[in-house]
Amino acid sequence: MRTLLLYIVLSAPFFSTEAQILDGTLDVTGLPNFMQSFEDVIKEAGLDDSTLGFESEADANLISFILDPVLIVPSSTVCTGNIFRYSLYIHTENSPENVKISARTTSNSGFRFPASIPYDLLIIKPLGPRDLQPTNGGNYIEIPNDGTQAIKILEFVGCRTDIPIQFRIEASALAPAGVSNFNISYTIVGSVL
């Protein structure tokens, strides 16, 4: 019994060096476009579009995150041997006043990368299954117009590609008229817990 305990204590420092999160690439494709005429926003006296809103296509944006290749080791091999939990945060910059922008995705959307790895066969998975979990059960979450308040939209374990993000915009009649351009910023945070 003492020999086993001593072995576990001595081997623990060697395993802790494996917990370094590696560099990865967050790829965002697509772009949500919103266009509304004055007649769409103003409904009748006392009502406006802030309760109805406009939705983009379900896959207006596709998000992918994979670990970068290391020397001659391809990304698929690096992702196979280094499993982490990743959280995706979103915020906007310069969005117009009186316009609410929200985003969502669905449970287990996108594709695992690689599709199957030895981690999937483990009986006890230290970080849980390699599934995608949307925040708020997949319902829309309002995106703050402030980078210091970015909000988590989803989390997943391991590398993942082609995660669809859907947007909804709700413009009040008090929103300024004209063309508005704003930025949507995506931040991915990795952890070993």
N, C-alpha and C. Protein backbone atom coordinates (compact mmCIF):
# COMPACT_ATOMS: atom_id res chain seq x y z
N MET A 1 0.82 -1.19 0.00
CA MET A 1 0.00 0.00 0.00
C MET A 1 0.86 1.25 0.00
N ARG A 2 1.92 1.26 0.80
CA ARG A 2 2.80 2.42 0.85
C ARG A 2 3.55 2.60 -0.47
N THR A 3 3.90 1.51 -1.11
CA THR A 3 4.60 1.60 -2.38
C THR A 3 3.70 2.26 -3.43
N LEU A 4 2.43 1.89 -3.48
CA LEU A 4 1.49 2.47 -4.43
C LEU A 4 1.30 3.95 -4.16
N LEU A 5 1.14 4.33 -2.92
CA LEU A 5 0.95 5.73 -2.56
C LEU A 5 2.19 6.55 -2.91
N LEU A 6 3.37 6.02 -2.66
CA LEU A 6 4.62 6.70 -2.98
C LEU A 6 4.74 6.89 -4.50
N TYR A 7 4.35 5.88 -5.27
CA TYR A 7 4.40 5.97 -6.72
C TYR A 7 3.47 7.07 -7.23
N ILE A 8 2.28 7.16 -6.67
CA ILE A 8 1.32 8.18 -7.08
C ILE A 8 1.84 9.56 -6.74
N VAL A 9 2.42 9.73 -5.55
CA VAL A 9 2.94 11.03 -5.13
C VAL A 9 4.13 11.43 -6.01
N LEU A 10 5.02 10.50 -6.32
CA LEU A 10 6.18 10.82 -7.14
C LEU A 10 5.82 11.07 -8.60
N SER A 11 4.80 10.41 -9.10
CA SER A 11 4.45 10.58 -10.51
C SER A 11 3.56 11.80 -10.75
N ALA A 12 2.94 12.34 -9.75
CA ALA A 12 2.03 13.48 -9.93
C ALA A 12 2.71 14.69 -10.57
N PRO A 13 3.94 15.08 -10.17
CA PRO A 13 4.55 16.24 -10.83
C PRO A 13 4.78 16.04 -12.32
N PHE A 14 5.01 14.82 -12.77
CA PHE A 14 5.25 14.59 -14.19
C PHE A 14 3.97 14.79 -15.01
N PHE A 15 2.82 14.45 -14.46
CA PHE A 15 1.56 14.61 -15.18
C PHE A 15 1.11 16.06 -15.21
N SER A 16 1.48 16.85 -14.22
CA SER A 16 1.02 18.24 -14.17
C SER A 16 1.62 19.09 -15.29
N THR A 17 2.73 18.68 -15.87
CA THR A 17 3.32 19.45 -16.96
C THR A 17 2.50 19.35 -18.25
N GLU A 18 1.57 18.40 -18.33
CA GLU A 18 0.75 18.23 -19.52
C GLU A 18 -0.41 19.23 -19.58
N ALA A 19 -0.58 20.06 -18.57
CA ALA A 19 -1.74 20.93 -18.48
C ALA A 19 -1.51 22.32 -19.08
N GLN A 20 -0.61 22.44 -20.01
CA GLN A 20 -0.37 23.73 -20.64
C GLN A 20 -1.26 23.86 -21.87
N ILE A 21 -2.02 24.93 -21.92
CA ILE A 21 -2.91 25.14 -23.06
C ILE A 21 -2.09 25.64 -24.25
N LEU A 22 -2.32 25.05 -25.39
CA LEU A 22 -1.54 25.35 -26.59
C LEU A 22 -2.21 26.43 -27.43
N ASP A 23 -1.43 27.03 -28.32
CA ASP A 23 -1.96 28.03 -29.24
C ASP A 23 -2.93 27.39 -30.21
N GLY A 24 -3.97 28.14 -30.54
CA GLY A 24 -4.95 27.65 -31.50
C GLY A 24 -5.40 28.76 -32.42
N THR A 25 -6.21 28.41 -33.40
CA THR A 25 -6.73 29.38 -34.37
C THR A 25 -8.24 29.39 -34.30
N LEU A 26 -8.79 30.57 -34.06
CA LEU A 26 -10.24 30.79 -34.08
C LEU A 26 -10.58 31.36 -35.45
N ASP A 27 -11.38 30.64 -36.21
CA ASP A 27 -11.73 31.05 -37.56
C ASP A 27 -13.22 31.38 -37.60
N VAL A 28 -13.54 32.58 -38.08
CA VAL A 28 -14.93 33.02 -38.19
C VAL A 28 -15.23 33.27 -39.65
N THR A 29 -16.22 32.57 -40.18
CA THR A 29 -16.63 32.79 -41.56
C THR A 29 -18.08 33.25 -41.57
N GLY A 30 -18.41 34.02 -42.55
CA GLY A 30 -19.77 34.53 -42.67
C GLY A 30 -19.91 35.87 -41.97
N LEU A 31 -21.02 36.50 -42.20
CA LEU A 31 -21.25 37.84 -41.68
C LEU A 31 -22.75 38.08 -41.60
N PRO A 32 -23.26 38.41 -40.42
CA PRO A 32 -24.70 38.70 -40.36
C PRO A 32 -24.99 40.07 -40.98
N ASN A 33 -25.97 40.14 -41.84
CA ASN A 33 -26.42 41.40 -42.44
C ASN A 33 -27.83 41.69 -41.96
N PHE A 34 -28.05 42.91 -41.53
CA PHE A 34 -29.37 43.31 -41.08
C PHE A 34 -29.77 44.55 -41.86
N MET A 35 -30.97 44.51 -42.41
CA MET A 35 -31.47 45.68 -43.10
C MET A 35 -32.95 45.80 -42.80
N GLN A 36 -33.34 46.97 -42.32
CA GLN A 36 -34.74 47.22 -42.04
C GLN A 36 -35.12 48.60 -42.54
N SER A 37 -36.28 48.68 -43.12
CA SER A 37 -36.76 49.98 -43.55
C SER A 37 -37.49 50.64 -42.39
N PHE A 38 -37.76 51.91 -42.55
CA PHE A 38 -38.47 52.68 -41.53
C PHE A 38 -39.82 52.04 -41.22
N GLU A 39 -40.49 51.53 -42.27
CA GLU A 39 -41.81 50.94 -42.10
C GLU A 39 -41.75 49.64 -41.28
N ASP A 40 -40.61 48.92 -41.36
CA ASP A 40 -40.47 47.69 -40.59
C ASP A 40 -40.34 47.96 -39.09
N VAL A 41 -39.70 49.09 -38.75
CA VAL A 41 -39.44 49.38 -37.35
C VAL A 41 -40.66 50.00 -36.67
N ILE A 42 -41.29 50.96 -37.34
CA ILE A 42 -42.46 51.62 -36.76
C ILE A 42 -43.70 50.81 -37.12
N LYS A 43 -44.41 50.32 -36.12
CA LYS A 43 -45.58 49.49 -36.36
C LYS A 43 -46.86 50.31 -36.30
N GLU A 44 -47.13 50.90 -35.18
CA GLU A 44 -48.27 51.81 -35.02
C GLU A 44 -48.00 52.61 -33.76
N ALA A 45 -48.83 53.54 -33.46
CA ALA A 45 -48.58 54.43 -32.33
C ALA A 45 -48.28 53.65 -31.06
N GLY A 46 -47.12 53.94 -30.49
CA GLY A 46 -46.74 53.31 -29.23
C GLY A 46 -46.04 51.97 -29.38
N LEU A 47 -45.96 51.40 -30.59
CA LEU A 47 -45.30 50.11 -30.79
C LEU A 47 -44.13 50.26 -31.75
N ASP A 48 -43.10 49.48 -31.53
CA ASP A 48 -41.99 49.44 -32.48
C ASP A 48 -41.45 48.02 -32.54
N ASP A 49 -40.35 47.84 -33.26
CA ASP A 49 -39.83 46.51 -33.53
C ASP A 49 -38.99 45.94 -32.39
N SER A 50 -38.90 46.64 -31.27
CA SER A 50 -38.05 46.14 -30.19
C SER A 50 -38.61 44.86 -29.56
N THR A 51 -39.84 44.49 -29.89
CA THR A 51 -40.40 43.25 -29.36
C THR A 51 -40.43 42.13 -30.39
N LEU A 52 -40.26 42.45 -31.66
CA LEU A 52 -40.34 41.46 -32.73
C LEU A 52 -38.95 41.02 -33.18
N GLY A 53 -38.20 41.91 -33.75
CA GLY A 53 -36.83 41.63 -34.12
C GLY A 53 -36.67 40.98 -35.48
N PHE A 54 -35.43 40.95 -35.93
CA PHE A 54 -35.04 40.37 -37.20
C PHE A 54 -34.00 39.30 -36.91
N GLU A 55 -34.16 38.10 -37.46
CA GLU A 55 -33.21 37.02 -37.24
C GLU A 55 -32.40 36.76 -38.50
N SER A 56 -31.11 36.51 -38.30
CA SER A 56 -30.27 36.10 -39.42
C SER A 56 -30.51 34.63 -39.70
N GLU A 57 -29.89 34.12 -40.73
CA GLU A 57 -29.95 32.69 -41.00
C GLU A 57 -29.33 31.95 -39.82
N ALA A 58 -29.72 30.70 -39.61
CA ALA A 58 -29.22 29.92 -38.47
C ALA A 58 -27.71 29.75 -38.51
N ASP A 59 -27.13 29.81 -39.69
CA ASP A 59 -25.68 29.66 -39.80
C ASP A 59 -25.05 30.91 -40.42
N ALA A 60 -25.50 32.09 -39.99
CA ALA A 60 -24.95 33.35 -40.51
C ALA A 60 -23.45 33.42 -40.31
N ASN A 61 -22.99 32.90 -39.19
CA ASN A 61 -21.57 32.80 -38.90
C ASN A 61 -21.24 31.35 -38.60
N LEU A 62 -20.08 30.91 -39.01
CA LEU A 62 -19.58 29.60 -38.63
C LEU A 62 -18.26 29.83 -37.90
N ILE A 63 -18.16 29.27 -36.70
CA ILE A 63 -16.98 29.43 -35.85
C ILE A 63 -16.25 28.09 -35.81
N SER A 64 -14.93 28.12 -35.97
CA SER A 64 -14.11 26.91 -35.84
C SER A 64 -12.93 27.23 -34.94
N PHE A 65 -12.56 26.26 -34.11
CA PHE A 65 -11.37 26.42 -33.29
C PHE A 65 -10.58 25.12 -33.28
N ILE A 66 -9.34 25.20 -33.75
CA ILE A 66 -8.44 24.04 -33.72
C ILE A 66 -7.09 24.49 -33.18
N LEU A 67 -6.36 23.56 -32.60
CA LEU A 67 -5.02 23.85 -32.13
C LEU A 67 -4.07 23.93 -33.32
N ASP A 68 -3.11 24.83 -33.23
CA ASP A 68 -2.16 25.03 -34.33
C ASP A 68 -1.22 23.84 -34.46
N PRO A 69 -0.76 23.56 -35.68
CA PRO A 69 0.25 22.49 -35.84
C PRO A 69 1.54 22.87 -35.11
N VAL A 70 2.26 21.86 -34.64
CA VAL A 70 3.53 22.08 -33.96
C VAL A 70 4.62 21.41 -34.78
N LEU A 71 5.51 22.23 -35.36
CA LEU A 71 6.56 21.76 -36.26
C LEU A 71 5.92 20.92 -37.38
N ILE A 72 6.19 19.62 -37.41
CA ILE A 72 5.62 18.79 -38.49
C ILE A 72 4.38 18.02 -38.04
N VAL A 73 3.93 18.26 -36.80
CA VAL A 73 2.75 17.55 -36.26
C VAL A 73 1.50 18.31 -36.70
N PRO A 74 0.59 17.67 -37.45
CA PRO A 74 -0.61 18.37 -37.94
C PRO A 74 -1.60 18.69 -36.82
N SER A 75 -2.50 19.62 -37.10
CA SER A 75 -3.51 20.04 -36.12
C SER A 75 -4.35 18.87 -35.62
N SER A 76 -4.69 17.94 -36.49
CA SER A 76 -5.53 16.82 -36.07
C SER A 76 -4.84 16.00 -34.98
N THR A 77 -3.54 15.81 -35.09
CA THR A 77 -2.79 15.07 -34.08
C THR A 77 -2.65 15.87 -32.80
N VAL A 78 -2.41 17.18 -32.93
CA VAL A 78 -2.29 18.04 -31.75
C VAL A 78 -3.62 18.08 -30.99
N CYS A 79 -4.73 18.19 -31.71
CA CYS A 79 -6.05 18.21 -31.07
C CYS A 79 -6.35 16.86 -30.40
N THR A 80 -5.89 15.77 -30.98
CA THR A 80 -6.13 14.44 -30.42
C THR A 80 -5.43 14.27 -29.08
N GLY A 81 -4.22 14.79 -28.97
CA GLY A 81 -3.44 14.58 -27.76
C GLY A 81 -3.57 15.64 -26.70
N ASN A 82 -4.30 16.72 -26.96
CA ASN A 82 -4.42 17.84 -26.01
C ASN A 82 -5.88 18.26 -25.91
N ILE A 83 -6.55 17.74 -24.91
CA ILE A 83 -7.98 18.01 -24.74
C ILE A 83 -8.16 19.08 -23.67
N PHE A 84 -8.83 20.17 -24.02
CA PHE A 84 -9.12 21.26 -23.10
C PHE A 84 -10.59 21.65 -23.23
N ARG A 85 -11.06 22.42 -22.26
CA ARG A 85 -12.41 22.99 -22.32
C ARG A 85 -12.28 24.42 -22.84
N TYR A 86 -13.08 24.76 -23.85
CA TYR A 86 -13.02 26.09 -24.45
C TYR A 86 -14.37 26.79 -24.29
N SER A 87 -14.32 28.08 -23.98
CA SER A 87 -15.51 28.91 -23.87
C SER A 87 -15.40 30.04 -24.89
N LEU A 88 -16.50 30.32 -25.60
CA LEU A 88 -16.53 31.38 -26.59
C LEU A 88 -17.31 32.56 -26.04
N TYR A 89 -16.67 33.72 -26.00
CA TYR A 89 -17.28 34.96 -25.52
C TYR A 89 -17.46 35.90 -26.71
N ILE A 90 -18.55 36.69 -26.68
CA ILE A 90 -18.84 37.63 -27.76
C ILE A 90 -19.20 38.99 -27.16
N HIS A 91 -18.76 40.04 -27.84
CA HIS A 91 -19.22 41.40 -27.54
C HIS A 91 -19.22 42.20 -28.84
N THR A 92 -19.92 43.30 -28.85
CA THR A 92 -19.93 44.17 -30.02
C THR A 92 -19.16 45.44 -29.70
N GLU A 93 -18.80 46.15 -30.75
CA GLU A 93 -18.17 47.46 -30.63
C GLU A 93 -18.87 48.40 -31.59
N ASN A 94 -19.23 49.57 -31.09
CA ASN A 94 -19.86 50.63 -31.90
C ASN A 94 -21.25 50.27 -32.40
N SER A 95 -21.99 49.42 -31.71
CA SER A 95 -23.36 49.16 -32.17
C SER A 95 -24.22 50.38 -31.84
N PRO A 96 -25.22 50.65 -32.67
CA PRO A 96 -26.04 51.85 -32.47
C PRO A 96 -26.85 51.79 -31.18
N GLU A 97 -27.14 52.95 -30.65
CA GLU A 97 -27.98 53.03 -29.45
C GLU A 97 -29.38 52.55 -29.76
N ASN A 98 -30.04 52.01 -28.74
CA ASN A 98 -31.42 51.51 -28.84
C ASN A 98 -31.57 50.36 -29.82
N VAL A 99 -30.49 49.62 -30.02
CA VAL A 99 -30.52 48.41 -30.83
C VAL A 99 -29.98 47.28 -29.97
N LYS A 100 -30.76 46.22 -29.83
CA LYS A 100 -30.35 45.07 -29.03
C LYS A 100 -29.93 43.95 -29.97
N ILE A 101 -28.69 43.47 -29.81
CA ILE A 101 -28.16 42.38 -30.64
C ILE A 101 -27.98 41.16 -29.75
N SER A 102 -28.53 40.04 -30.18
CA SER A 102 -28.45 38.80 -29.41
C SER A 102 -27.90 37.69 -30.30
N ALA A 103 -27.36 36.64 -29.66
CA ALA A 103 -26.81 35.51 -30.42
C ALA A 103 -27.19 34.21 -29.72
N ARG A 104 -27.14 33.12 -30.50
CA ARG A 104 -27.39 31.80 -29.93
C ARG A 104 -26.80 30.73 -30.85
N THR A 105 -26.71 29.52 -30.30
CA THR A 105 -26.37 28.33 -31.07
C THR A 105 -27.17 27.18 -30.48
N THR A 106 -27.05 26.01 -31.05
CA THR A 106 -27.81 24.87 -30.55
C THR A 106 -26.89 23.85 -29.89
N SER A 107 -27.47 22.99 -29.08
CA SER A 107 -26.69 21.96 -28.38
C SER A 107 -25.97 21.06 -29.37
N ASN A 108 -24.72 20.79 -29.05
CA ASN A 108 -23.89 19.86 -29.80
C ASN A 108 -23.80 20.19 -31.29
N SER A 109 -23.87 21.48 -31.63
CA SER A 109 -23.76 21.88 -33.04
C SER A 109 -22.30 21.90 -33.47
N GLY A 110 -22.07 21.97 -34.75
CA GLY A 110 -20.73 21.93 -35.28
C GLY A 110 -20.22 20.50 -35.37
N PHE A 111 -18.92 20.36 -35.61
CA PHE A 111 -18.31 19.04 -35.79
C PHE A 111 -17.07 18.91 -34.92
N ARG A 112 -16.92 17.75 -34.30
CA ARG A 112 -15.70 17.46 -33.55
C ARG A 112 -14.53 17.36 -34.53
N PHE A 113 -13.36 17.81 -34.06
CA PHE A 113 -12.17 17.72 -34.90
C PHE A 113 -11.02 17.15 -34.08
N PRO A 114 -10.47 16.02 -34.51
CA PRO A 114 -10.99 15.06 -35.48
C PRO A 114 -12.30 14.45 -34.98
N ALA A 115 -12.99 13.79 -35.86
CA ALA A 115 -14.32 13.26 -35.53
C ALA A 115 -14.28 12.26 -34.39
N SER A 116 -13.27 11.42 -34.35
CA SER A 116 -13.16 10.41 -33.30
C SER A 116 -11.72 10.34 -32.83
N ILE A 117 -11.54 10.31 -31.49
CA ILE A 117 -10.21 10.23 -30.90
C ILE A 117 -10.26 9.27 -29.72
N PRO A 118 -9.13 8.79 -29.24
CA PRO A 118 -9.12 7.86 -28.10
C PRO A 118 -9.83 8.41 -26.85
N TYR A 119 -9.82 9.72 -26.65
CA TYR A 119 -10.51 10.33 -25.50
C TYR A 119 -11.99 9.95 -25.47
N ASP A 120 -12.61 9.84 -26.64
CA ASP A 120 -14.03 9.50 -26.73
C ASP A 120 -14.33 8.11 -26.17
N LEU A 121 -13.34 7.23 -26.15
CA LEU A 121 -13.54 5.86 -25.69
C LEU A 121 -13.30 5.69 -24.19
N LEU A 122 -12.78 6.72 -23.52
CA LEU A 122 -12.54 6.62 -22.08
C LEU A 122 -13.86 6.46 -21.33
N ILE A 123 -13.86 5.60 -20.32
CA ILE A 123 -15.06 5.43 -19.50
C ILE A 123 -15.28 6.68 -18.66
N ILE A 124 -14.20 7.18 -18.05
CA ILE A 124 -14.28 8.42 -17.28
C ILE A 124 -13.54 9.49 -18.06
N LYS A 125 -14.27 10.48 -18.53
CA LYS A 125 -13.68 11.57 -19.30
C LYS A 125 -13.44 12.75 -18.35
N PRO A 126 -12.18 13.11 -18.08
CA PRO A 126 -11.89 14.15 -17.09
C PRO A 126 -12.62 15.48 -17.32
N LEU A 127 -12.82 15.89 -18.56
CA LEU A 127 -13.50 17.15 -18.86
C LEU A 127 -14.93 16.93 -19.35
N GLY A 128 -15.40 15.72 -19.32
CA GLY A 128 -16.73 15.41 -19.83
C GLY A 128 -16.66 15.08 -21.31
N PRO A 129 -17.80 14.75 -21.91
CA PRO A 129 -17.82 14.40 -23.34
C PRO A 129 -17.44 15.60 -24.21
N ARG A 130 -17.03 15.31 -25.43
CA ARG A 130 -16.64 16.38 -26.36
C ARG A 130 -17.86 16.99 -27.04
N ASP A 131 -18.82 17.36 -26.26
CA ASP A 131 -20.04 17.97 -26.78
C ASP A 131 -19.96 19.49 -26.66
N LEU A 132 -20.82 20.17 -27.40
CA LEU A 132 -20.94 21.63 -27.29
C LEU A 132 -22.17 21.93 -26.46
N GLN A 133 -22.01 22.81 -25.48
CA GLN A 133 -23.10 23.23 -24.61
C GLN A 133 -23.35 24.72 -24.80
N PRO A 134 -24.53 25.11 -25.30
CA PRO A 134 -24.82 26.54 -25.42
C PRO A 134 -25.18 27.13 -24.05
N THR A 135 -24.82 28.36 -23.84
CA THR A 135 -25.23 29.07 -22.63
C THR A 135 -26.72 29.38 -22.76
N ASN A 136 -27.41 29.38 -21.66
CA ASN A 136 -28.84 29.74 -21.63
C ASN A 136 -29.69 28.73 -22.41
N GLY A 137 -29.24 27.48 -22.49
CA GLY A 137 -30.03 26.44 -23.12
C GLY A 137 -30.27 26.61 -24.60
N GLY A 138 -29.50 27.45 -25.25
CA GLY A 138 -29.68 27.67 -26.69
C GLY A 138 -30.63 28.81 -27.00
N ASN A 139 -31.13 29.50 -25.98
CA ASN A 139 -31.96 30.68 -26.21
C ASN A 139 -31.06 31.88 -26.49
N TYR A 140 -31.62 32.92 -27.08
CA TYR A 140 -30.84 34.11 -27.39
C TYR A 140 -30.29 34.75 -26.12
N ILE A 141 -29.05 35.26 -26.25
CA ILE A 141 -28.38 35.98 -25.17
C ILE A 141 -27.99 37.35 -25.72
N GLU A 142 -28.35 38.41 -25.00
CA GLU A 142 -28.00 39.75 -25.45
C GLU A 142 -26.50 39.95 -25.37
N ILE A 143 -25.94 40.49 -26.44
CA ILE A 143 -24.50 40.72 -26.52
C ILE A 143 -24.21 42.15 -26.06
N PRO A 144 -23.32 42.30 -25.07
CA PRO A 144 -23.00 43.66 -24.61
C PRO A 144 -22.16 44.42 -25.63
N ASN A 145 -22.30 45.73 -25.62
CA ASN A 145 -21.53 46.60 -26.51
C ASN A 145 -20.30 47.11 -25.75
N ASP A 146 -19.62 46.20 -25.07
CA ASP A 146 -18.50 46.57 -24.22
C ASP A 146 -17.60 45.36 -24.05
N GLY A 147 -16.34 45.48 -24.44
CA GLY A 147 -15.41 44.36 -24.37
C GLY A 147 -15.13 43.89 -22.95
N THR A 148 -15.30 44.76 -21.96
CA THR A 148 -15.05 44.34 -20.58
C THR A 148 -16.21 43.52 -20.02
N GLN A 149 -17.31 43.43 -20.79
CA GLN A 149 -18.47 42.68 -20.33
C GLN A 149 -18.86 41.58 -21.32
N ALA A 150 -17.91 41.12 -22.11
CA ALA A 150 -18.19 40.07 -23.10
C ALA A 150 -18.91 38.91 -22.41
N ILE A 151 -19.84 38.29 -23.11
CA ILE A 151 -20.68 37.24 -22.52
C ILE A 151 -20.40 35.89 -23.18
N LYS A 152 -20.43 34.84 -22.34
CA LYS A 152 -20.18 33.50 -22.86
C LYS A 152 -21.41 33.00 -23.61
N ILE A 153 -21.18 32.54 -24.83
CA ILE A 153 -22.26 32.03 -25.68
C ILE A 153 -22.30 30.51 -25.66
N LEU A 154 -21.12 29.87 -25.55
CA LEU A 154 -21.08 28.41 -25.60
C LEU A 154 -19.76 27.93 -25.02
N GLU A 155 -19.71 26.62 -24.77
CA GLU A 155 -18.45 25.97 -24.41
C GLU A 155 -18.43 24.57 -24.99
N PHE A 156 -17.21 24.07 -25.23
CA PHE A 156 -17.05 22.74 -25.80
C PHE A 156 -15.73 22.16 -25.32
N VAL A 157 -15.60 20.85 -25.45
CA VAL A 157 -14.39 20.15 -25.05
C VAL A 157 -13.71 19.63 -26.31
N GLY A 158 -12.39 19.90 -26.43
CA GLY A 158 -11.65 19.48 -27.61
C GLY A 158 -11.85 20.45 -28.76
N CYS A 159 -11.19 20.19 -29.87
CA CYS A 159 -11.30 21.06 -31.04
C CYS A 159 -12.66 20.85 -31.73
N ARG A 160 -13.16 21.92 -32.37
CA ARG A 160 -14.48 21.85 -33.00
C ARG A 160 -14.53 22.79 -34.19
N THR A 161 -15.24 22.38 -35.23
CA THR A 161 -15.34 23.22 -36.43
C THR A 161 -16.80 23.45 -36.81
N ASP A 162 -17.02 24.49 -37.60
CA ASP A 162 -18.32 24.83 -38.20
C ASP A 162 -19.46 24.91 -37.18
N ILE A 163 -19.23 25.66 -36.11
CA ILE A 163 -20.28 25.90 -35.11
C ILE A 163 -21.14 27.05 -35.62
N PRO A 164 -22.44 26.83 -35.86
CA PRO A 164 -23.28 27.91 -36.37
C PRO A 164 -23.70 28.87 -35.26
N ILE A 165 -23.64 30.16 -35.57
CA ILE A 165 -24.09 31.21 -34.64
C ILE A 165 -25.19 31.99 -35.35
N GLN A 166 -26.33 32.12 -34.69
CA GLN A 166 -27.46 32.87 -35.25
C GLN A 166 -27.61 34.16 -34.47
N PHE A 167 -27.94 35.24 -35.17
CA PHE A 167 -28.09 36.54 -34.54
C PHE A 167 -29.53 37.04 -34.66
N ARG A 168 -29.92 37.84 -33.69
CA ARG A 168 -31.22 38.54 -33.73
C ARG A 168 -30.96 39.99 -33.37
N ILE A 169 -31.61 40.89 -34.12
CA ILE A 169 -31.50 42.31 -33.83
C ILE A 169 -32.89 42.85 -33.55
N GLU A 170 -32.99 43.63 -32.50
CA GLU A 170 -34.26 44.27 -32.13
C GLU A 170 -34.00 45.76 -32.06
N ALA A 171 -34.52 46.48 -33.03
CA ALA A 171 -34.29 47.93 -33.11
C ALA A 171 -35.50 48.69 -32.60
N SER A 172 -35.25 49.62 -31.72
CA SER A 172 -36.30 50.49 -31.24
C SER A 172 -36.52 51.61 -32.25
N ALA A 173 -37.69 52.21 -32.24
CA ALA A 173 -37.96 53.36 -33.09
C ALA A 173 -37.06 54.53 -32.70
N LEU A 174 -36.45 54.46 -31.51
CA LEU A 174 -35.54 55.51 -31.06
C LEU A 174 -34.13 55.34 -31.62
N ALA A 175 -33.86 54.23 -32.29
CA ALA A 175 -32.54 54.01 -32.87
C ALA A 175 -32.29 55.01 -33.99
N PRO A 176 -31.04 55.45 -34.13
CA PRO A 176 -30.75 56.43 -35.19
C PRO A 176 -30.95 55.83 -36.58
N ALA A 177 -31.49 56.63 -37.49
CA ALA A 177 -31.71 56.18 -38.87
C ALA A 177 -30.40 56.23 -39.63
N GLY A 178 -30.32 55.47 -40.70
CA GLY A 178 -29.12 55.48 -41.53
C GLY A 178 -28.38 54.16 -41.46
N VAL A 179 -27.25 54.11 -42.14
CA VAL A 179 -26.44 52.91 -42.18
C VAL A 179 -25.52 52.88 -40.96
N SER A 180 -25.52 51.76 -40.27
CA SER A 180 -24.64 51.60 -39.10
C SER A 180 -23.76 50.38 -39.32
N ASN A 181 -22.50 50.54 -39.05
CA ASN A 181 -21.56 49.44 -39.10
C ASN A 181 -21.02 49.22 -37.69
N PHE A 182 -21.02 47.99 -37.25
CA PHE A 182 -20.47 47.68 -35.94
C PHE A 182 -19.67 46.39 -36.03
N ASN A 183 -18.81 46.18 -35.07
CA ASN A 183 -17.97 45.00 -35.04
C ASN A 183 -18.50 43.99 -34.04
N ILE A 184 -18.39 42.72 -34.38
CA ILE A 184 -18.67 41.63 -33.45
C ILE A 184 -17.33 40.98 -33.14
N SER A 185 -16.95 40.98 -31.88
CA SER A 185 -15.66 40.41 -31.48
C SER A 185 -15.87 39.07 -30.78
N TYR A 186 -15.05 38.12 -31.14
CA TYR A 186 -15.11 36.77 -30.58
C TYR A 186 -13.82 36.51 -29.80
N THR A 187 -13.95 35.95 -28.61
CA THR A 187 -12.79 35.60 -27.79
C THR A 187 -12.97 34.18 -27.31
N ILE A 188 -11.92 33.38 -27.47
CA ILE A 188 -11.99 32.00 -26.98
C ILE A 188 -11.05 31.87 -25.80
N VAL A 189 -11.53 31.22 -24.75
CA VAL A 189 -10.75 31.03 -23.53
C VAL A 189 -10.67 29.54 -23.25
N GLY A 190 -9.45 29.04 -23.06
CA GLY A 190 -9.26 27.63 -22.78
C GLY A 190 -8.96 27.39 -21.32
N SER A 191 -9.36 26.23 -20.81
CA SER A 191 -9.06 25.86 -19.42
C SER A 191 -8.90 24.34 -19.33
N VAL A 192 -8.36 23.91 -18.21
CA VAL A 192 -8.18 22.48 -17.98
C VAL A 192 -9.20 21.97 -16.98
N LEU A 193 -10.16 22.79 -16.62
CA LEU A 193 -11.21 22.39 -15.67
C LEU A 193 -12.56 22.37 -16.33
